[in-house]
Amino acid sequence: MATIQQDDQSDENGTEDPKAAREAREAERAAARRATRDERRAARLAKRISAFARRHGGAEGHLAYLGQAGTRIVLVGEDGAWGDLVAPTHAVARGAATRAGLTLHDSFDGEFAAKVRTGAYEWGRMAGIQLGGGTG
């Protein structure tokens, strides 16, 4: 008599294992909740990017990976103002930038970096670090 190999999720009658089916449904629901949450996060970030762009005559950006902390969205306005936002994942950051119509640069150098205008606060912070003003 030949032995019939059965699926891990089936019992001897060929019916699906209820526990495995329940776990699969729970995994699908969890994935759908994560996708919905990520869409909401991207939408909120896109609103903030758009608001920055309106205040500064337009904006361009760069995505910088931060490791487990997420991805930094660096924004540079047409007037030289700059700011940043942090997204929990690179996919959320890219989605937010796409929704906001943000032009993304592959690197933060050249003409893009030259647009940044630093103020007295930034220069003071940089000087403090150089002169031992940091506590680290």
Foldseek 3Di string as FASTA:
>chain_A
DDDDDADPQADPVRDGNPVVVVVVVVVVVVVVVVVVVLVVLLQVLLVVQLVVQVVQVGWAWEWAADPQQEIKTWIAGQQQDIDIDGDRYPVSVVSSCVVNVHHYDHDCDDPNVVSHDDDPVVVVVVVCVVVVVDPD
